[in-house]
């Protein structure tokens, strides 16, 4: 068997059109975090995304994941801090342009 560096592997550009499309869709699905509910805080500024998250998380079941959609850059620091203070689990964030999506798992009531 040839050494790994000698083996040629096709890149996405070497795939046929339909294969590249499937790979692209798969990559998008893998990067999007699974969540149970979404909270739309688009256009709201601090402290409103945190206040609304606090209210929404109270209505959810333990183990459920909340996706918070926001345009407030402050949420990147505020949400992890809020999770530490309240005992919920901060799962991370995704951002594409001005929209920031943060994910919180409810651990306790």
PDB file of N, CA and C in Angstrom:
ATOM      1  N   UNK A   1       0.850  -1.173   0.000  1.00  0.00           N
ATOM      2  CA  UNK A   1       0.000   0.000   0.000  1.00  0.00           C
ATOM      3  C   UNK A   1       0.894   1.234   0.000  1.00  0.00           C
ATOM      4  N   UNK A   2       0.480   2.253  -0.761  1.00  0.00           N
ATOM      5  CA  UNK A   2       1.261   3.478  -0.838  1.00  0.00           C
ATOM      6  C   UNK A   2       1.103   4.300   0.437  1.00  0.00           C
ATOM      7  N   UNK A   3       2.106   5.090   0.780  1.00  0.00           N
ATOM      8  CA  UNK A   3       1.973   5.971   1.944  1.00  0.00           C
ATOM      9  C   UNK A   3       0.818   6.951   1.744  1.00  0.00           C
ATOM     10  N   UNK A   4       0.239   7.410   2.836  1.00  0.00           N
ATOM     11  CA  UNK A   4      -0.927   8.277   2.804  1.00  0.00           C
ATOM     12  C   UNK A   4      -0.718   9.518   1.941  1.00  0.00           C
ATOM     13  N   UNK A   5       0.447  10.154   2.055  1.00  0.00           N
ATOM     14  CA  UNK A   5       0.670  11.387   1.293  1.00  0.00           C
ATOM     15  C   UNK A   5       0.734  11.150  -0.213  1.00  0.00           C
ATOM     16  N   UNK A   6       0.967   9.906  -0.641  1.00  0.00           N
ATOM     17  CA  UNK A   6       1.029   9.609  -2.067  1.00  0.00           C
ATOM     18  C   UNK A   6      -0.344   9.296  -2.654  1.00  0.00           C
ATOM     19  N   UNK A   7      -1.298   8.954  -1.802  1.00  0.00           N
ATOM     20  CA  UNK A   7      -2.633   8.631  -2.292  1.00  0.00           C
ATOM     21  C   UNK A   7      -3.334   9.902  -2.740  1.00  0.00           C
ATOM     22  N   UNK A   8      -3.994   9.810  -3.860  1.00  0.00           N
ATOM     23  CA  UNK A   8      -4.722  10.963  -4.386  1.00  0.00           C
ATOM     24  C   UNK A   8      -6.185  10.825  -3.981  1.00  0.00           C
ATOM     25  N   UNK A   9      -6.689  11.891  -3.437  1.00  0.00           N
ATOM     26  CA  UNK A   9      -8.094  11.918  -3.058  1.00  0.00           C
ATOM     27  C   UNK A   9      -8.755  13.081  -3.764  1.00  0.00           C
ATOM     28  N   UNK A  10      -9.893  12.849  -4.388  1.00  0.00           N
ATOM     29  CA  UNK A  10     -10.549  13.947  -5.095  1.00  0.00           C
ATOM     30  C   UNK A  10     -11.109  14.969  -4.120  1.00  0.00           C
ATOM     31  N   UNK A  11     -10.975  16.244  -4.469  1.00  0.00           N
ATOM     32  CA  UNK A  11     -11.593  17.317  -3.714  1.00  0.00           C
ATOM     33  C   UNK A  11     -13.028  17.479  -4.158  1.00  0.00           C
ATOM     34  N   UNK A  12     -13.741  18.402  -3.541  1.00  0.00           N
ATOM     35  CA  UNK A  12     -15.132  18.636  -3.903  1.00  0.00           C
ATOM     36  C   UNK A  12     -15.240  19.035  -5.364  1.00  0.00           C
ATOM     37  N   UNK A  13     -14.261  19.804  -5.859  1.00  0.00           N
ATOM     38  CA  UNK A  13     -14.323  20.255  -7.252  1.00  0.00           C
ATOM     39  C   UNK A  13     -14.197  19.093  -8.237  1.00  0.00           C
ATOM     40  N   UNK A  14     -13.620  17.968  -7.807  1.00  0.00           N
ATOM     41  CA  UNK A  14     -13.453  16.816  -8.693  1.00  0.00           C
ATOM     42  C   UNK A  14     -14.714  15.949  -8.746  1.00  0.00           C
ATOM     43  N   UNK A  15     -15.676  16.224  -7.890  1.00  0.00           N
ATOM     44  CA  UNK A  15     -16.905  15.437  -7.860  1.00  0.00           C
ATOM     45  C   UNK A  15     -17.852  15.878  -8.959  1.00  0.00           C
ATOM     46  N   UNK A  16     -18.699  14.969  -9.391  1.00  0.00           N
ATOM     47  CA  UNK A  16     -19.743  15.321 -10.350  1.00  0.00           C
ATOM     48  C   UNK A  16     -20.708  16.291  -9.690  1.00  0.00           C
ATOM     49  N   UNK A  17     -21.461  17.012 -10.476  1.00  0.00           N
ATOM     50  CA  UNK A  17     -22.381  18.027  -9.972  1.00  0.00           C
ATOM     51  C   UNK A  17     -23.299  17.540  -8.873  1.00  0.00           C
ATOM     52  N   UNK A  18     -23.961  16.381  -9.091  1.00  0.00           N
ATOM     53  CA  UNK A  18     -24.906  15.881  -8.098  1.00  0.00           C
ATOM     54  C   UNK A  18     -24.197  15.444  -6.819  1.00  0.00           C
ATOM     55  N   UNK A  19     -23.001  14.901  -6.949  1.00  0.00           N
ATOM     56  CA  UNK A  19     -22.238  14.497  -5.768  1.00  0.00           C
ATOM     57  C   UNK A  19     -21.822  15.717  -4.963  1.00  0.00           C
ATOM     58  N   UNK A  20     -21.371  16.762  -5.638  1.00  0.00           N
ATOM     59  CA  UNK A  20     -20.956  17.988  -4.954  1.00  0.00           C
ATOM     60  C   UNK A  20     -22.139  18.622  -4.229  1.00  0.00           C
ATOM     61  N   UNK A  21     -23.324  18.577  -4.842  1.00  0.00           N
ATOM     62  CA  UNK A  21     -24.517  19.150  -4.223  1.00  0.00           C
ATOM     63  C   UNK A  21     -24.889  18.383  -2.959  1.00  0.00           C
ATOM     64  N   UNK A  22     -24.841  17.066  -3.020  1.00  0.00           N
ATOM     65  CA  UNK A  22     -25.149  16.241  -1.860  1.00  0.00           C
ATOM     66  C   UNK A  22     -24.148  16.508  -0.742  1.00  0.00           C
ATOM     67  N   UNK A  23     -22.872  16.600  -1.080  1.00  0.00           N
ATOM     68  CA  UNK A  23     -21.837  16.875  -0.090  1.00  0.00           C
ATOM     69  C   UNK A  23     -22.058  18.232   0.555  1.00  0.00           C
ATOM     70  N   UNK A  24     -22.421  19.220  -0.233  1.00  0.00           N
ATOM     71  CA  UNK A  24     -22.675  20.563   0.283  1.00  0.00           C
ATOM     72  C   UNK A  24     -23.864  20.562   1.242  1.00  0.00           C
ATOM     73  N   UNK A  25     -24.952  19.874   0.865  1.00  0.00           N
ATOM     74  CA  UNK A  25     -26.127  19.779   1.736  1.00  0.00           C
ATOM     75  C   UNK A  25     -25.784  19.055   3.029  1.00  0.00           C
ATOM     76  N   UNK A  26     -24.987  17.988   2.933  1.00  0.00           N
ATOM     77  CA  UNK A  26     -24.573  17.240   4.122  1.00  0.00           C
ATOM     78  C   UNK A  26     -23.765  18.132   5.055  1.00  0.00           C
ATOM     79  N   UNK A  27     -22.832  18.892   4.501  1.00  0.00           N
ATOM     80  CA  UNK A  27     -21.997  19.776   5.312  1.00  0.00           C
ATOM     81  C   UNK A  27     -22.854  20.815   6.023  1.00  0.00           C
ATOM     82  N   UNK A  28     -23.867  21.349   5.350  1.00  0.00           N
ATOM     83  CA  UNK A  28     -24.763  22.329   5.963  1.00  0.00           C
ATOM     84  C   UNK A  28     -25.552  21.694   7.105  1.00  0.00           C
ATOM     85  N   UNK A  29     -26.032  20.484   6.903  1.00  0.00           N
ATOM     86  CA  UNK A  29     -26.817  19.800   7.931  1.00  0.00           C
ATOM     87  C   UNK A  29     -25.970  19.472   9.147  1.00  0.00           C
ATOM     88  N   UNK A  30     -24.718  19.122   8.921  1.00  0.00           N
ATOM     89  CA  UNK A  30     -23.837  18.762  10.032  1.00  0.00           C
ATOM     90  C   UNK A  30     -23.503  19.987  10.873  1.00  0.00           C
ATOM     91  N   UNK A  31     -23.331  21.137  10.241  1.00  0.00           N
ATOM     92  CA  UNK A  31     -22.933  22.328  10.975  1.00  0.00           C
ATOM     93  C   UNK A  31     -24.091  22.986  11.714  1.00  0.00           C
ATOM     94  N   UNK A  32     -25.319  22.723  11.325  1.00  0.00           N
ATOM     95  CA  UNK A  32     -26.454  23.314  12.012  1.00  0.00           C
ATOM     96  C   UNK A  32     -26.775  22.491  13.253  1.00  0.00           C
ATOM     97  N   UNK A  33     -26.762  23.149  14.402  1.00  0.00           N
ATOM     98  CA  UNK A  33     -26.983  22.453  15.662  1.00  0.00           C
ATOM     99  C   UNK A  33     -28.459  22.088  15.823  1.00  0.00           C
ATOM    100  N   UNK A  34     -28.698  20.925  16.334  1.00  0.00           N
ATOM    101  CA  UNK A  34     -30.061  20.471  16.594  1.00  0.00           C
ATOM    102  C   UNK A  34     -30.637  21.274  17.755  1.00  0.00           C
ATOM    103  N   UNK A  35     -31.901  21.669  17.627  1.00  0.00           N
ATOM    104  CA  UNK A  35     -32.548  22.408  18.696  1.00  0.00           C
ATOM    105  C   UNK A  35     -34.043  22.083  18.711  1.00  0.00           C
ATOM    106  N   UNK A  36     -34.648  22.296  19.872  1.00  0.00           N
ATOM    107  CA  UNK A  36     -36.065  21.981  20.039  1.00  0.00           C
ATOM    108  C   UNK A  36     -36.964  23.190  19.801  1.00  0.00           C
ATOM    109  N   UNK A  37     -36.481  24.369  20.191  1.00  0.00           N
ATOM    110  CA  UNK A  37     -37.263  25.590  20.035  1.00  0.00           C
ATOM    111  C   UNK A  37     -36.349  26.733  19.612  1.00  0.00           C
ATOM    112  N   UNK A  38     -36.955  27.740  18.990  1.00  0.00           N
ATOM    113  CA  UNK A  38     -36.208  28.918  18.538  1.00  0.00           C
ATOM    114  C   UNK A  38     -36.826  30.159  19.147  1.00  0.00           C
ATOM    115  N   UNK A  39     -35.960  31.062  19.578  1.00  0.00           N
ATOM    116  CA  UNK A  39     -36.381  32.351  20.118  1.00  0.00           C
ATOM    117  C   UNK A  39     -35.828  33.438  19.204  1.00  0.00           C
ATOM    118  N   UNK A  40     -36.704  34.234  18.612  1.00  0.00           N
ATOM    119  CA  UNK A  40     -36.304  35.280  17.681  1.00  0.00           C
ATOM    120  C   UNK A  40     -36.070  36.591  18.432  1.00  0.00           C
ATOM    121  N   UNK A  41     -34.800  36.968  18.549  1.00  0.00           N
ATOM    122  CA  UNK A  41     -34.427  38.231  19.192  1.00  0.00           C
ATOM    123  C   UNK A  41     -33.771  39.169  18.179  1.00  0.00           C
ATOM    124  N   UNK A  42     -34.103  38.971  16.914  1.00  0.00           N
ATOM    125  CA  UNK A  42     -33.520  39.766  15.831  1.00  0.00           C
ATOM    126  C   UNK A  42     -33.813  41.245  16.068  1.00  0.00           C
ATOM    127  N   UNK A  43     -32.757  42.066  16.085  1.00  0.00           N
ATOM    128  CA  UNK A  43     -32.904  43.507  16.257  1.00  0.00           C
ATOM    129  C   UNK A  43     -32.988  43.983  17.692  1.00  0.00           C
ATOM    130  N   UNK A  44     -33.097  43.068  18.639  1.00  0.00           N
ATOM    131  CA  UNK A  44     -33.170  43.463  20.050  1.00  0.00           C
ATOM    132  C   UNK A  44     -31.771  43.652  20.614  1.00  0.00           C
ATOM    133  N   UNK A  45     -31.624  44.652  21.474  1.00  0.00           N
ATOM    134  CA  UNK A  45     -30.329  44.933  22.100  1.00  0.00           C
ATOM    135  C   UNK A  45     -30.353  44.522  23.563  1.00  0.00           C
ATOM    136  N   UNK A  46     -29.168  44.382  24.121  1.00  0.00           N
ATOM    137  CA  UNK A  46     -28.977  44.024  25.515  1.00  0.00           C
ATOM    138  C   UNK A  46     -29.794  44.968  26.401  1.00  0.00           C
ATOM    139  N   UNK A  47     -30.500  44.441  27.352  1.00  0.00           N
ATOM    140  CA  UNK A  47     -30.508  43.079  27.898  1.00  0.00           C
ATOM    141  C   UNK A  47     -31.649  42.210  27.387  1.00  0.00           C
ATOM    142  N   UNK A  48     -32.387  42.674  26.380  1.00  0.00           N
ATOM    143  CA  UNK A  48     -33.603  41.968  25.958  1.00  0.00           C
ATOM    144  C   UNK A  48     -33.397  40.515  25.517  1.00  0.00           C
ATOM    145  N   UNK A  49     -32.334  40.166  24.750  1.00  0.00           N
ATOM    146  CA  UNK A  49     -32.176  38.745  24.400  1.00  0.00           C
ATOM    147  C   UNK A  49     -32.022  37.845  25.638  1.00  0.00           C
ATOM    148  N   UNK A  50     -31.341  38.335  26.653  1.00  0.00           N
ATOM    149  CA  UNK A  50     -31.166  37.543  27.883  1.00  0.00           C
ATOM    150  C   UNK A  50     -32.479  37.461  28.654  1.00  0.00           C
ATOM    151  N   UNK A  51     -33.196  38.563  28.752  1.00  0.00           N
ATOM    152  CA  UNK A  51     -34.482  38.563  29.457  1.00  0.00           C
ATOM    153  C   UNK A  51     -35.457  37.606  28.772  1.00  0.00           C
ATOM    154  N   UNK A  52     -35.534  37.674  27.444  1.00  0.00           N
ATOM    155  CA  UNK A  52     -36.450  36.786  26.728  1.00  0.00           C
ATOM    156  C   UNK A  52     -36.012  35.326  26.802  1.00  0.00           C
ATOM    157  N   UNK A  53     -34.689  35.100  26.798  1.00  0.00           N
ATOM    158  CA  UNK A  53     -34.182  33.730  26.960  1.00  0.00           C
ATOM    159  C   UNK A  53     -34.597  33.180  28.311  1.00  0.00           C
ATOM    160  N   UNK A  54     -34.459  33.987  29.350  1.00  0.00           N
ATOM    161  CA  UNK A  54     -34.839  33.564  30.704  1.00  0.00           C
ATOM    162  C   UNK A  54     -36.308  33.184  30.764  1.00  0.00           C
ATOM    163  N   UNK A  55     -37.160  33.985  30.139  1.00  0.00           N
ATOM    164  CA  UNK A  55     -38.596  33.698  30.127  1.00  0.00           C
ATOM    165  C   UNK A  55     -38.901  32.430  29.329  1.00  0.00           C
ATOM    166  N   UNK A  56     -38.270  32.294  28.171  1.00  0.00           N
ATOM    167  CA  UNK A  56     -38.541  31.145  27.299  1.00  0.00           C
ATOM    168  C   UNK A  56     -38.069  29.838  27.915  1.00  0.00           C
ATOM    169  N   UNK A  57     -36.883  29.855  28.527  1.00  0.00           N
ATOM    170  CA  UNK A  57     -36.303  28.622  29.079  1.00  0.00           C
ATOM    171  C   UNK A  57     -37.192  28.065  30.197  1.00  0.00           C
ATOM    172  N   UNK A  58     -37.928  28.935  30.880  1.00  0.00           N
ATOM    173  CA  UNK A  58     -38.831  28.498  31.950  1.00  0.00           C
ATOM    174  C   UNK A  58     -39.977  27.653  31.406  1.00  0.00           C
ATOM    175  N   UNK A  59     -40.331  27.834  30.145  1.00  0.00           N
ATOM    176  CA  UNK A  59     -41.447  27.095  29.540  1.00  0.00           C
ATOM    177  C   UNK A  59     -41.002  25.763  28.926  1.00  0.00           C
ATOM    178  N   UNK A  60     -39.695  25.532  28.911  1.00  0.00           N
ATOM    179  CA  UNK A  60     -39.154  24.343  28.244  1.00  0.00           C
ATOM    180  C   UNK A  60     -38.929  23.203  29.233  1.00  0.00           C
ATOM    181  N   UNK A  61     -38.797  21.993  28.689  1.00  0.00           N
ATOM    182  CA  UNK A  61     -38.509  20.814  29.494  1.00  0.00           C
ATOM    183  C   UNK A  61     -37.000  20.667  29.668  1.00  0.00           C
ATOM    184  N   UNK A  62     -36.599  20.064  30.781  1.00  0.00           N
ATOM    185  CA  UNK A  62     -35.182  19.776  31.022  1.00  0.00           C
ATOM    186  C   UNK A  62     -34.666  18.890  29.892  1.00  0.00           C
ATOM    187  N   UNK A  63     -33.518  19.244  29.345  1.00  0.00           N
ATOM    188  CA  UNK A  63     -32.906  18.493  28.251  1.00  0.00           C
ATOM    189  C   UNK A  63     -33.150  19.102  26.884  1.00  0.00           C
ATOM    190  N   UNK A  64     -34.133  19.990  26.780  1.00  0.00           N
ATOM    191  CA  UNK A  64     -34.403  20.629  25.493  1.00  0.00           C
ATOM    192  C   UNK A  64     -33.357  21.701  25.197  1.00  0.00           C
ATOM    193  N   UNK A  65     -33.157  21.956  23.898  1.00  0.00           N
ATOM    194  CA  UNK A  65     -32.180  22.941  23.445  1.00  0.00           C
ATOM    195  C   UNK A  65     -32.910  24.115  22.808  1.00  0.00           C
ATOM    196  N   UNK A  66     -32.514  25.313  23.223  1.00  0.00           N
ATOM    197  CA  UNK A  66     -33.083  26.551  22.699  1.00  0.00           C
ATOM    198  C   UNK A  66     -32.078  27.220  21.766  1.00  0.00           C
ATOM    199  N   UNK A  67     -32.538  27.577  20.581  1.00  0.00           N
ATOM    200  CA  UNK A  67     -31.749  28.367  19.649  1.00  0.00           C
ATOM    201  C   UNK A  67     -32.218  29.811  19.786  1.00  0.00           C
ATOM    202  N   UNK A  68     -31.288  30.725  20.072  1.00  0.00           N
ATOM    203  CA  UNK A  68     -31.605  32.144  20.180  1.00  0.00           C
ATOM    204  C   UNK A  68     -30.984  32.847  18.977  1.00  0.00           C
ATOM    205  N   UNK A  69     -31.828  33.474  18.154  1.00  0.00           N
ATOM    206  CA  UNK A  69     -31.369  34.189  16.968  1.00  0.00           C
ATOM    207  C   UNK A  69     -31.301  35.668  17.319  1.00  0.00           C
ATOM    208  N   UNK A  70     -30.103  36.248  17.163  1.00  0.00           N
ATOM    209  CA  UNK A  70     -29.887  37.626  17.594  1.00  0.00           C
ATOM    210  C   UNK A  70     -28.981  38.367  16.614  1.00  0.00           C
ATOM    211  N   UNK A  71     -29.039  39.686  16.678  1.00  0.00           N
ATOM    212  CA  UNK A  71     -28.112  40.534  15.929  1.00  0.00           C
ATOM    213  C   UNK A  71     -27.218  41.316  16.881  1.00  0.00           C
ATOM    214  N   UNK A  72     -27.397  41.123  18.181  1.00  0.00           N
ATOM    215  CA  UNK A  72     -26.638  41.837  19.204  1.00  0.00           C
ATOM    216  C   UNK A  72     -25.319  41.119  19.470  1.00  0.00           C
ATOM    217  N   UNK A  73     -24.208  41.759  19.131  1.00  0.00           N
ATOM    218  CA  UNK A  73     -22.880  41.167  19.343  1.00  0.00           C
ATOM    219  C   UNK A  73     -22.637  40.824  20.813  1.00  0.00           C
ATOM    220  N   UNK A  74     -23.264  41.557  21.708  1.00  0.00           N
ATOM    221  CA  UNK A  74     -23.078  41.321  23.135  1.00  0.00           C
ATOM    222  C   UNK A  74     -23.522  39.947  23.599  1.00  0.00           C
ATOM    223  N   UNK A  75     -24.378  39.309  22.821  1.00  0.00           N
ATOM    224  CA  UNK A  75     -24.883  37.990  23.200  1.00  0.00           C
ATOM    225  C   UNK A  75     -23.753  36.959  23.267  1.00  0.00           C
ATOM    226  N   UNK A  76     -22.679  37.214  22.523  1.00  0.00           N
ATOM    227  CA  UNK A  76     -21.549  36.274  22.509  1.00  0.00           C
ATOM    228  C   UNK A  76     -20.914  36.141  23.886  1.00  0.00           C
ATOM    229  N   UNK A  77     -20.933  37.187  24.676  1.00  0.00           N
ATOM    230  CA  UNK A  77     -20.391  37.142  26.038  1.00  0.00           C
ATOM    231  C   UNK A  77     -21.494  37.012  27.082  1.00  0.00           C
ATOM    232  N   UNK A  78     -22.633  37.636  26.799  1.00  0.00           N
ATOM    233  CA  UNK A  78     -23.723  37.639  27.778  1.00  0.00           C
ATOM    234  C   UNK A  78     -24.341  36.267  28.000  1.00  0.00           C
ATOM    235  N   UNK A  79     -24.540  35.500  26.923  1.00  0.00           N
ATOM    236  CA  UNK A  79     -25.224  34.214  27.060  1.00  0.00           C
ATOM    237  C   UNK A  79     -24.394  33.194  27.858  1.00  0.00           C
ATOM    238  N   UNK A  80     -23.083  33.044  27.588  1.00  0.00           N
ATOM    239  CA  UNK A  80     -22.315  32.120  28.432  1.00  0.00           C
ATOM    240  C   UNK A  80     -22.337  32.522  29.905  1.00  0.00           C
ATOM    241  N   UNK A  81     -22.268  33.835  30.172  1.00  0.00           N
ATOM    242  CA  UNK A  81     -22.305  34.315  31.563  1.00  0.00           C
ATOM    243  C   UNK A  81     -23.659  34.006  32.201  1.00  0.00           C
ATOM    244  N   UNK A  82     -24.740  34.230  31.454  1.00  0.00           N
ATOM    245  CA  UNK A  82     -26.068  33.941  31.977  1.00  0.00           C
ATOM    246  C   UNK A  82     -26.221  32.455  32.276  1.00  0.00           C
ATOM    247  N   UNK A  83     -25.709  31.613  31.388  1.00  0.00           N
ATOM    248  CA  UNK A  83     -25.795  30.161  31.597  1.00  0.00           C
ATOM    249  C   UNK A  83     -25.037  29.742  32.857  1.00  0.00           C
ATOM    250  N   UNK A  84     -23.852  30.309  33.065  1.00  0.00           N
ATOM    251  CA  UNK A  84     -23.089  29.987  34.285  1.00  0.00           C
ATOM    252  C   UNK A  84     -23.858  30.397  35.533  1.00  0.00           C
ATOM    253  N   UNK A  85     -24.500  31.554  35.493  1.00  0.00           N
ATOM    254  CA  UNK A  85     -25.234  32.069  36.651  1.00  0.00           C
ATOM    255  C   UNK A  85     -26.506  31.287  36.941  1.00  0.00           C
ATOM    256  N   UNK A  86     -27.140  30.754  35.915  1.00  0.00           N
ATOM    257  CA  UNK A  86     -28.438  30.093  36.089  1.00  0.00           C
ATOM    258  C   UNK A  86     -28.366  28.573  36.088  1.00  0.00           C
ATOM    259  N   UNK A  87     -27.185  28.018  35.772  1.00  0.00           N
ATOM    260  CA  UNK A  87     -27.047  26.567  35.772  1.00  0.00           C
ATOM    261  C   UNK A  87     -27.503  25.885  34.497  1.00  0.00           C
ATOM    262  N   UNK A  88     -27.687  26.654  33.426  1.00  0.00           N
ATOM    263  CA  UNK A  88     -28.025  26.056  32.130  1.00  0.00           C
ATOM    264  C   UNK A  88     -26.725  25.793  31.373  1.00  0.00           C
ATOM    265  N   UNK A  89     -26.799  25.024  30.301  1.00  0.00           N
ATOM    266  CA  UNK A  89     -25.596  24.675  29.547  1.00  0.00           C
ATOM    267  C   UNK A  89     -25.504  25.480  28.260  1.00  0.00           C
ATOM    268  N   UNK A  90     -24.433  26.253  28.134  1.00  0.00           N
ATOM    269  CA  UNK A  90     -24.156  27.003  26.912  1.00  0.00           C
ATOM    270  C   UNK A  90     -23.495  26.031  25.940  1.00  0.00           C
ATOM    271  N   UNK A  91     -24.121  25.807  24.778  1.00  0.00           N
ATOM    272  CA  UNK A  91     -23.625  24.828  23.813  1.00  0.00           C
ATOM    273  C   UNK A  91     -22.754  25.440  22.718  1.00  0.00           C
ATOM    274  N   UNK A  92     -22.836  26.743  22.535  1.00  0.00           N
ATOM    275  CA  UNK A  92     -22.012  27.384  21.518  1.00  0.00           C
ATOM    276  C   UNK A  92     -22.811  28.337  20.665  1.00  0.00           C
ATOM    277  N   UNK A  93     -22.139  28.827  19.615  1.00  0.00           N
ATOM    278  CA  UNK A  93     -22.787  29.785  18.734  1.00  0.00           C
ATOM    279  C   UNK A  93     -22.402  29.540  17.295  1.00  0.00           C
ATOM    280  N   UNK A  94     -23.233  30.048  16.409  1.00  0.00           N
ATOM    281  CA  UNK A  94     -22.977  30.047  14.977  1.00  0.00           C
ATOM    282  C   UNK A  94     -23.249  31.461  14.499  1.00  0.00           C
ATOM    283  N   UNK A  95     -22.464  31.935  13.555  1.00  0.00           N
ATOM    284  CA  UNK A  95     -22.700  33.267  13.038  1.00  0.00           C
ATOM    285  C   UNK A  95     -22.477  33.318  11.546  1.00  0.00           C
ATOM    286  N   UNK A  96     -23.407  33.924  10.842  1.00  0.00           N
ATOM    287  CA  UNK A  96     -23.223  34.127   9.406  1.00  0.00           C
ATOM    288  C   UNK A  96     -23.647  35.556   9.087  1.00  0.00           C
ATOM    289  N   UNK A  97     -22.675  36.450   9.022  1.00  0.00           N
ATOM    290  CA  UNK A  97     -22.986  37.857   8.798  1.00  0.00           C
ATOM    291  C   UNK A  97     -23.460  38.498  10.082  1.00  0.00           C
ATOM    292  N   UNK A  98     -24.570  39.229   9.998  1.00  0.00           N
ATOM    293  CA  UNK A  98     -25.052  39.941  11.175  1.00  0.00           C
ATOM    294  C   UNK A  98     -25.838  39.051  12.133  1.00  0.00           C
ATOM    295  N   UNK A  99     -26.288  37.905  11.677  1.00  0.00           N
ATOM    296  CA  UNK A  99     -27.112  37.025  12.510  1.00  0.00           C
ATOM    297  C   UNK A  99     -26.234  36.092  13.334  1.00  0.00           C
ATOM    298  N   UNK A 100     -26.520  36.054  14.621  1.00  0.00           N
ATOM    299  CA  UNK A 100     -25.800  35.189  15.554  1.00  0.00           C
ATOM    300  C   UNK A 100     -26.827  34.225  16.150  1.00  0.00           C
ATOM    301  N   UNK A 101     -26.490  32.943  16.128  1.00  0.00           N
ATOM    302  CA  UNK A 101     -27.355  31.939  16.747  1.00  0.00           C
ATOM    303  C   UNK A 101     -26.604  31.323  17.908  1.00  0.00           C
ATOM    304  N   UNK A 102     -27.194  31.401  19.094  1.00  0.00           N
ATOM    305  CA  UNK A 102     -26.584  30.762  20.265  1.00  0.00           C
ATOM    306  C   UNK A 102     -27.511  29.650  20.728  1.00  0.00           C
ATOM    307  N   UNK A 103     -26.901  28.625  21.350  1.00  0.00           N
ATOM    308  CA  UNK A 103     -27.648  27.440  21.750  1.00  0.00           C
ATOM    309  C   UNK A 103     -27.478  27.185  23.236  1.00  0.00           C
ATOM    310  N   UNK A 104     -28.616  26.989  23.905  1.00  0.00           N
ATOM    311  CA  UNK A 104     -28.648  26.774  25.347  1.00  0.00           C
ATOM    312  C   UNK A 104     -29.455  25.520  25.629  1.00  0.00           C
ATOM    313  N   UNK A 105     -28.883  24.649  26.452  1.00  0.00           N
ATOM    314  CA  UNK A 105     -29.600  23.435  26.872  1.00  0.00           C
ATOM    315  C   UNK A 105     -30.108  23.638  28.291  1.00  0.00           C
ATOM    316  N   UNK A 106     -31.381  23.376  28.492  1.00  0.00           N
ATOM    317  CA  UNK A 106     -31.965  23.510  29.825  1.00  0.00           C
ATOM    318  C   UNK A 106     -31.550  22.307  30.680  1.00  0.00           C
ATOM    319  N   UNK A 107     -30.877  22.604  31.773  1.00  0.00           N
ATOM    320  CA  UNK A 107     -30.430  21.543  32.672  1.00  0.00           C
ATOM    321  C   UNK A 107     -31.259  21.452  33.933  1.00  0.00           C
ATOM    322  N   UNK A 108     -31.864  22.575  34.318  1.00  0.00           N
ATOM    323  CA  UNK A 108     -32.680  22.542  35.520  1.00  0.00           C
ATOM    324  C   UNK A 108     -33.782  23.597  35.425  1.00  0.00           C
ATOM    325  N   UNK A 109     -34.798  23.425  36.254  1.00  0.00           N
ATOM    326  CA  UNK A 109     -35.973  24.307  36.225  1.00  0.00           C
ATOM    327  C   UNK A 109     -35.754  25.576  36.899  1.00  0.00           C
TER     328      UNK A 109
END
